């Protein structure tokens, strides 16, 4: 469900709502990834910013040789 723009309050910056275009754009730019990639990551780990950030960092780490 879309945010009610008439109810102004403190933004919940601990969650990413990929269904809101402005949030998708802002978070994509913040993490320097595409909106499509952000949606995939949120689908995998959930909407919590810390979880998304950890997954992005994990993806960016070079692979360890075995």
PDB file of N, CA and C in Angstrom:
ATOM      1  N   UNK A   1       0.840  -1.177   0.000  1.00  0.00           N
ATOM      2  CA  UNK A   1       0.000   0.000   0.000  1.00  0.00           C
ATOM      3  C   UNK A   1       0.882   1.236   0.000  1.00  0.00           C
ATOM      4  N   UNK A   2       0.501   2.242  -0.723  1.00  0.00           N
ATOM      5  CA  UNK A   2       1.280   3.472  -0.842  1.00  0.00           C
ATOM      6  C   UNK A   2       1.269   4.263   0.459  1.00  0.00           C
ATOM      7  N   UNK A   3       2.335   5.033   0.640  1.00  0.00           N
ATOM      8  CA  UNK A   3       2.402   5.923   1.796  1.00  0.00           C
ATOM      9  C   UNK A   3       1.308   6.969   1.704  1.00  0.00           C
ATOM     10  N   UNK A   4       0.765   7.329   2.858  1.00  0.00           N
ATOM     11  CA  UNK A   4      -0.221   8.403   2.908  1.00  0.00           C
ATOM     12  C   UNK A   4       0.550   9.710   3.045  1.00  0.00           C
ATOM     13  N   UNK A   5       0.638  10.472   1.975  1.00  0.00           N
ATOM     14  CA  UNK A   5       1.433  11.700   1.951  1.00  0.00           C
ATOM     15  C   UNK A   5       0.863  12.788   2.853  1.00  0.00           C
ATOM     16  N   UNK A   6      -0.394  12.659   3.271  1.00  0.00           N
ATOM     17  CA  UNK A   6      -0.976  13.669   4.145  1.00  0.00           C
ATOM     18  C   UNK A   6      -0.573  13.462   5.603  1.00  0.00           C
ATOM     19  N   UNK A   7      -0.075  12.291   5.940  1.00  0.00           N
ATOM     20  CA  UNK A   7       0.370  12.009   7.307  1.00  0.00           C
ATOM     21  C   UNK A   7       1.891  12.152   7.346  1.00  0.00           C
ATOM     22  N   UNK A   8       2.311  13.335   7.753  1.00  0.00           N
ATOM     23  CA  UNK A   8       3.728  13.628   7.792  1.00  0.00           C
ATOM     24  C   UNK A   8       4.269  13.266   9.160  1.00  0.00           C
ATOM     25  N   UNK A   9       5.341  12.529   9.171  1.00  0.00           N
ATOM     26  CA  UNK A   9       5.971  12.147  10.426  1.00  0.00           C
ATOM     27  C   UNK A   9       7.413  11.794  10.160  1.00  0.00           C
ATOM     28  N   UNK A  10       8.043  11.229  11.156  1.00  0.00           N
ATOM     29  CA  UNK A  10       9.440  10.834  11.032  1.00  0.00           C
ATOM     30  C   UNK A  10       9.553   9.690  10.034  1.00  0.00           C
ATOM     31  N   UNK A  11      10.411   9.814   9.029  1.00  0.00           N
ATOM     32  CA  UNK A  11      10.561   8.729   8.063  1.00  0.00           C
ATOM     33  C   UNK A  11      11.220   7.514   8.704  1.00  0.00           C
ATOM     34  N   UNK A  12      10.821   6.352   8.271  1.00  0.00           N
ATOM     35  CA  UNK A  12      11.411   5.121   8.769  1.00  0.00           C
ATOM     36  C   UNK A  12      12.589   4.792   7.869  1.00  0.00           C
ATOM     37  N   UNK A  13      13.765   5.202   8.259  1.00  0.00           N
ATOM     38  CA  UNK A  13      14.956   5.010   7.443  1.00  0.00           C
ATOM     39  C   UNK A  13      15.609   3.652   7.700  1.00  0.00           C
ATOM     40  N   UNK A  14      14.964   2.786   8.473  1.00  0.00           N
ATOM     41  CA  UNK A  14      15.518   1.459   8.707  1.00  0.00           C
ATOM     42  C   UNK A  14      14.967   0.435   7.726  1.00  0.00           C
ATOM     43  N   UNK A  15      13.987   0.845   6.909  1.00  0.00           N
ATOM     44  CA  UNK A  15      13.363  -0.049   5.933  1.00  0.00           C
ATOM     45  C   UNK A  15      13.376   0.579   4.548  1.00  0.00           C
ATOM     46  N   UNK A  16      13.438  -0.289   3.539  1.00  0.00           N
ATOM     47  CA  UNK A  16      13.399   0.153   2.151  1.00  0.00           C
ATOM     48  C   UNK A  16      12.087  -0.334   1.547  1.00  0.00           C
ATOM     49  N   UNK A  17      11.281   0.592   1.060  1.00  0.00           N
ATOM     50  CA  UNK A  17      10.030   0.237   0.403  1.00  0.00           C
ATOM     51  C   UNK A  17      10.252   0.348  -1.102  1.00  0.00           C
ATOM     52  N   UNK A  18      10.520  -0.777  -1.761  1.00  0.00           N
ATOM     53  CA  UNK A  18      10.813  -0.754  -3.193  1.00  0.00           C
ATOM     54  C   UNK A  18       9.566  -0.496  -4.035  1.00  0.00           C
ATOM     55  N   UNK A  19       8.408  -0.442  -3.405  1.00  0.00           N
ATOM     56  CA  UNK A  19       7.176  -0.134  -4.127  1.00  0.00           C
ATOM     57  C   UNK A  19       6.944   1.372  -4.262  1.00  0.00           C
ATOM     58  N   UNK A  20       7.738   2.150  -3.562  1.00  0.00           N
ATOM     59  CA  UNK A  20       7.672   3.615  -3.670  1.00  0.00           C
ATOM     60  C   UNK A  20       8.824   4.055  -4.565  1.00  0.00           C
ATOM     61  N   UNK A  21       8.495   4.647  -5.715  1.00  0.00           N
ATOM     62  CA  UNK A  21       9.519   5.013  -6.699  1.00  0.00           C
ATOM     63  C   UNK A  21      10.593   5.921  -6.119  1.00  0.00           C
ATOM     64  N   UNK A  22      10.195   6.901  -5.295  1.00  0.00           N
ATOM     65  CA  UNK A  22      11.184   7.823  -4.747  1.00  0.00           C
ATOM     66  C   UNK A  22      12.139   7.116  -3.800  1.00  0.00           C
ATOM     67  N   UNK A  23      11.650   6.141  -3.029  1.00  0.00           N
ATOM     68  CA  UNK A  23      12.533   5.382  -2.142  1.00  0.00           C
ATOM     69  C   UNK A  23      13.461   4.480  -2.952  1.00  0.00           C
ATOM     70  N   UNK A  24      12.913   3.839  -3.950  1.00  0.00           N
ATOM     71  CA  UNK A  24      13.710   2.965  -4.808  1.00  0.00           C
ATOM     72  C   UNK A  24      14.844   3.771  -5.455  1.00  0.00           C
ATOM     73  N   UNK A  25      14.533   4.945  -5.958  1.00  0.00           N
ATOM     74  CA  UNK A  25      15.538   5.805  -6.589  1.00  0.00           C
ATOM     75  C   UNK A  25      16.583   6.261  -5.576  1.00  0.00           C
ATOM     76  N   UNK A  26      16.134   6.751  -4.428  1.00  0.00           N
ATOM     77  CA  UNK A  26      17.060   7.257  -3.410  1.00  0.00           C
ATOM     78  C   UNK A  26      18.008   6.172  -2.905  1.00  0.00           C
ATOM     79  N   UNK A  27      17.455   5.006  -2.565  1.00  0.00           N
ATOM     80  CA  UNK A  27      18.291   3.921  -2.035  1.00  0.00           C
ATOM     81  C   UNK A  27      19.211   3.351  -3.106  1.00  0.00           C
ATOM     82  N   UNK A  28      18.745   3.275  -4.339  1.00  0.00           N
ATOM     83  CA  UNK A  28      19.592   2.797  -5.436  1.00  0.00           C
ATOM     84  C   UNK A  28      20.806   3.706  -5.604  1.00  0.00           C
ATOM     85  N   UNK A  29      20.566   5.001  -5.556  1.00  0.00           N
ATOM     86  CA  UNK A  29      21.668   5.958  -5.678  1.00  0.00           C
ATOM     87  C   UNK A  29      22.603   5.871  -4.476  1.00  0.00           C
ATOM     88  N   UNK A  30      22.035   5.741  -3.298  1.00  0.00           N
ATOM     89  CA  UNK A  30      22.859   5.651  -2.086  1.00  0.00           C
ATOM     90  C   UNK A  30      23.797   4.449  -2.143  1.00  0.00           C
ATOM     91  N   UNK A  31      23.284   3.310  -2.593  1.00  0.00           N
ATOM     92  CA  UNK A  31      24.097   2.085  -2.638  1.00  0.00           C
ATOM     93  C   UNK A  31      24.846   1.926  -3.960  1.00  0.00           C
ATOM     94  N   UNK A  32      24.637   2.846  -4.904  1.00  0.00           N
ATOM     95  CA  UNK A  32      25.285   2.801  -6.224  1.00  0.00           C
ATOM     96  C   UNK A  32      25.002   1.478  -6.940  1.00  0.00           C
ATOM     97  N   UNK A  33      23.724   1.101  -6.951  1.00  0.00           N
ATOM     98  CA  UNK A  33      23.276  -0.086  -7.683  1.00  0.00           C
ATOM     99  C   UNK A  33      22.010   0.280  -8.456  1.00  0.00           C
ATOM    100  N   UNK A  34      21.644  -0.575  -9.384  1.00  0.00           N
ATOM    101  CA  UNK A  34      20.443  -0.303 -10.170  1.00  0.00           C
ATOM    102  C   UNK A  34      19.189  -0.572  -9.342  1.00  0.00           C
ATOM    103  N   UNK A  35      18.093   0.072  -9.685  1.00  0.00           N
ATOM    104  CA  UNK A  35      16.829  -0.217  -9.000  1.00  0.00           C
ATOM    105  C   UNK A  35      16.439  -1.696  -9.119  1.00  0.00           C
ATOM    106  N   UNK A  36      16.712  -2.297 -10.260  1.00  0.00           N
ATOM    107  CA  UNK A  36      16.392  -3.715 -10.446  1.00  0.00           C
ATOM    108  C   UNK A  36      17.178  -4.579  -9.476  1.00  0.00           C
ATOM    109  N   UNK A  37      18.474  -4.286  -9.324  1.00  0.00           N
ATOM    110  CA  UNK A  37      19.314  -5.039  -8.396  1.00  0.00           C
ATOM    111  C   UNK A  37      18.832  -4.846  -6.960  1.00  0.00           C
ATOM    112  N   UNK A  38      18.453  -3.623  -6.624  1.00  0.00           N
ATOM    113  CA  UNK A  38      17.954  -3.353  -5.274  1.00  0.00           C
ATOM    114  C   UNK A  38      16.696  -4.172  -4.997  1.00  0.00           C
ATOM    115  N   UNK A  39      15.797  -4.227  -5.956  1.00  0.00           N
ATOM    116  CA  UNK A  39      14.575  -5.026  -5.779  1.00  0.00           C
ATOM    117  C   UNK A  39      14.913  -6.499  -5.573  1.00  0.00           C
ATOM    118  N   UNK A  40      15.884  -7.002  -6.314  1.00  0.00           N
ATOM    119  CA  UNK A  40      16.286  -8.400  -6.159  1.00  0.00           C
ATOM    120  C   UNK A  40      16.864  -8.669  -4.782  1.00  0.00           C
ATOM    121  N   UNK A  41      17.694  -7.760  -4.306  1.00  0.00           N
ATOM    122  CA  UNK A  41      18.307  -7.933  -2.989  1.00  0.00           C
ATOM    123  C   UNK A  41      17.258  -7.856  -1.891  1.00  0.00           C
ATOM    124  N   UNK A  42      16.345  -6.899  -1.989  1.00  0.00           N
ATOM    125  CA  UNK A  42      15.268  -6.786  -0.991  1.00  0.00           C
ATOM    126  C   UNK A  42      14.400  -8.049  -1.025  1.00  0.00           C
ATOM    127  N   UNK A  43      14.173  -8.589  -2.211  1.00  0.00           N
ATOM    128  CA  UNK A  43      13.425  -9.845  -2.318  1.00  0.00           C
ATOM    129  C   UNK A  43      14.140 -11.003  -1.648  1.00  0.00           C
ATOM    130  N   UNK A  44      15.457 -10.957  -1.648  1.00  0.00           N
ATOM    131  CA  UNK A  44      16.258 -12.036  -1.057  1.00  0.00           C
ATOM    132  C   UNK A  44      16.405 -11.899   0.459  1.00  0.00           C
ATOM    133  N   UNK A  45      16.763 -10.685   0.934  1.00  0.00           N
ATOM    134  CA  UNK A  45      17.094 -10.522   2.354  1.00  0.00           C
ATOM    135  C   UNK A  45      16.062  -9.747   3.156  1.00  0.00           C
ATOM    136  N   UNK A  46      15.077  -9.150   2.474  1.00  0.00           N
ATOM    137  CA  UNK A  46      14.060  -8.379   3.186  1.00  0.00           C
ATOM    138  C   UNK A  46      14.348  -6.889   3.116  1.00  0.00           C
ATOM    139  N   UNK A  47      13.454  -6.064   3.684  1.00  0.00           N
ATOM    140  CA  UNK A  47      13.527  -4.614   3.514  1.00  0.00           C
ATOM    141  C   UNK A  47      14.400  -3.859   4.518  1.00  0.00           C
ATOM    142  N   UNK A  48      15.011  -4.551   5.463  1.00  0.00           N
ATOM    143  CA  UNK A  48      15.801  -3.852   6.477  1.00  0.00           C
ATOM    144  C   UNK A  48      17.106  -3.335   5.870  1.00  0.00           C
ATOM    145  N   UNK A  49      17.382  -2.048   6.061  1.00  0.00           N
ATOM    146  CA  UNK A  49      18.545  -1.409   5.458  1.00  0.00           C
ATOM    147  C   UNK A  49      19.836  -2.125   5.829  1.00  0.00           C
ATOM    148  N   UNK A  50      20.004  -2.509   7.077  1.00  0.00           N
ATOM    149  CA  UNK A  50      21.240  -3.165   7.501  1.00  0.00           C
ATOM    150  C   UNK A  50      21.450  -4.493   6.776  1.00  0.00           C
ATOM    151  N   UNK A  51      20.378  -5.241   6.561  1.00  0.00           N
ATOM    152  CA  UNK A  51      20.478  -6.518   5.849  1.00  0.00           C
ATOM    153  C   UNK A  51      20.823  -6.305   4.382  1.00  0.00           C
ATOM    154  N   UNK A  52      20.204  -5.301   3.776  1.00  0.00           N
ATOM    155  CA  UNK A  52      20.476  -4.982   2.370  1.00  0.00           C
ATOM    156  C   UNK A  52      21.927  -4.524   2.223  1.00  0.00           C
ATOM    157  N   UNK A  53      22.360  -3.659   3.112  1.00  0.00           N
ATOM    158  CA  UNK A  53      23.734  -3.156   3.080  1.00  0.00           C
ATOM    159  C   UNK A  53      24.732  -4.305   3.219  1.00  0.00           C
ATOM    160  N   UNK A  54      24.488  -5.223   4.136  1.00  0.00           N
ATOM    161  CA  UNK A  54      25.375  -6.371   4.339  1.00  0.00           C
ATOM    162  C   UNK A  54      25.433  -7.243   3.083  1.00  0.00           C
ATOM    163  N   UNK A  55      24.304  -7.449   2.430  1.00  0.00           N
ATOM    164  CA  UNK A  55      24.270  -8.264   1.213  1.00  0.00           C
ATOM    165  C   UNK A  55      25.046  -7.587   0.084  1.00  0.00           C
ATOM    166  N   UNK A  56      24.908  -6.287  -0.049  1.00  0.00           N
ATOM    167  CA  UNK A  56      25.646  -5.554  -1.080  1.00  0.00           C
ATOM    168  C   UNK A  56      27.142  -5.643  -0.811  1.00  0.00           C
ATOM    169  N   UNK A  57      27.544  -5.469   0.431  1.00  0.00           N
ATOM    170  CA  UNK A  57      28.961  -5.571   0.784  1.00  0.00           C
ATOM    171  C   UNK A  57      29.487  -6.971   0.499  1.00  0.00           C
ATOM    172  N   UNK A  58      28.681  -7.982   0.800  1.00  0.00           N
ATOM    173  CA  UNK A  58      29.077  -9.367   0.531  1.00  0.00           C
ATOM    174  C   UNK A  58      29.270  -9.580  -0.968  1.00  0.00           C
ATOM    175  N   UNK A  59      28.392  -9.015  -1.769  1.00  0.00           N
ATOM    176  CA  UNK A  59      28.476  -9.152  -3.221  1.00  0.00           C
ATOM    177  C   UNK A  59      29.713  -8.450  -3.781  1.00  0.00           C
ATOM    178  N   UNK A  60      30.114  -7.377  -3.162  1.00  0.00           N
ATOM    179  CA  UNK A  60      31.235  -6.584  -3.657  1.00  0.00           C
ATOM    180  C   UNK A  60      32.591  -7.120  -3.218  1.00  0.00           C
ATOM    181  N   UNK A  61      32.619  -7.988  -2.193  1.00  0.00           N
ATOM    182  CA  UNK A  61      33.879  -8.565  -1.737  1.00  0.00           C
ATOM    183  C   UNK A  61      34.438  -9.482  -2.811  1.00  0.00           C
ATOM    184  N   UNK A  62      35.758  -9.411  -3.016  1.00  0.00           N
ATOM    185  CA  UNK A  62      36.337 -10.338  -3.990  1.00  0.00           C
ATOM    186  C   UNK A  62      36.208 -11.771  -3.489  1.00  0.00           C
ATOM    187  N   UNK A  63      36.060 -12.680  -4.412  1.00  0.00           N
ATOM    188  CA  UNK A  63      35.943 -14.097  -4.064  1.00  0.00           C
ATOM    189  C   UNK A  63      37.251 -14.589  -3.463  1.00  0.00           C
ATOM    190  N   UNK A  64      37.124 -15.397  -2.433  1.00  0.00           N
ATOM    191  CA  UNK A  64      38.294 -15.987  -1.791  1.00  0.00           C
ATOM    192  C   UNK A  64      38.713 -17.238  -2.547  1.00  0.00           C
ATOM    193  N   UNK A  65      40.006 -17.378  -2.892  1.00  0.00           N
ATOM    194  CA  UNK A  65      40.425 -18.600  -3.570  1.00  0.00           C
ATOM    195  C   UNK A  65      40.283 -19.812  -2.649  1.00  0.00           C
ATOM    196  N   UNK A  66      39.951 -20.932  -3.236  1.00  0.00           N
ATOM    197  CA  UNK A  66      39.769 -22.151  -2.427  1.00  0.00           C
ATOM    198  C   UNK A  66      40.961 -23.044  -2.517  1.00  0.00           C
TER     199      UNK A  66
END
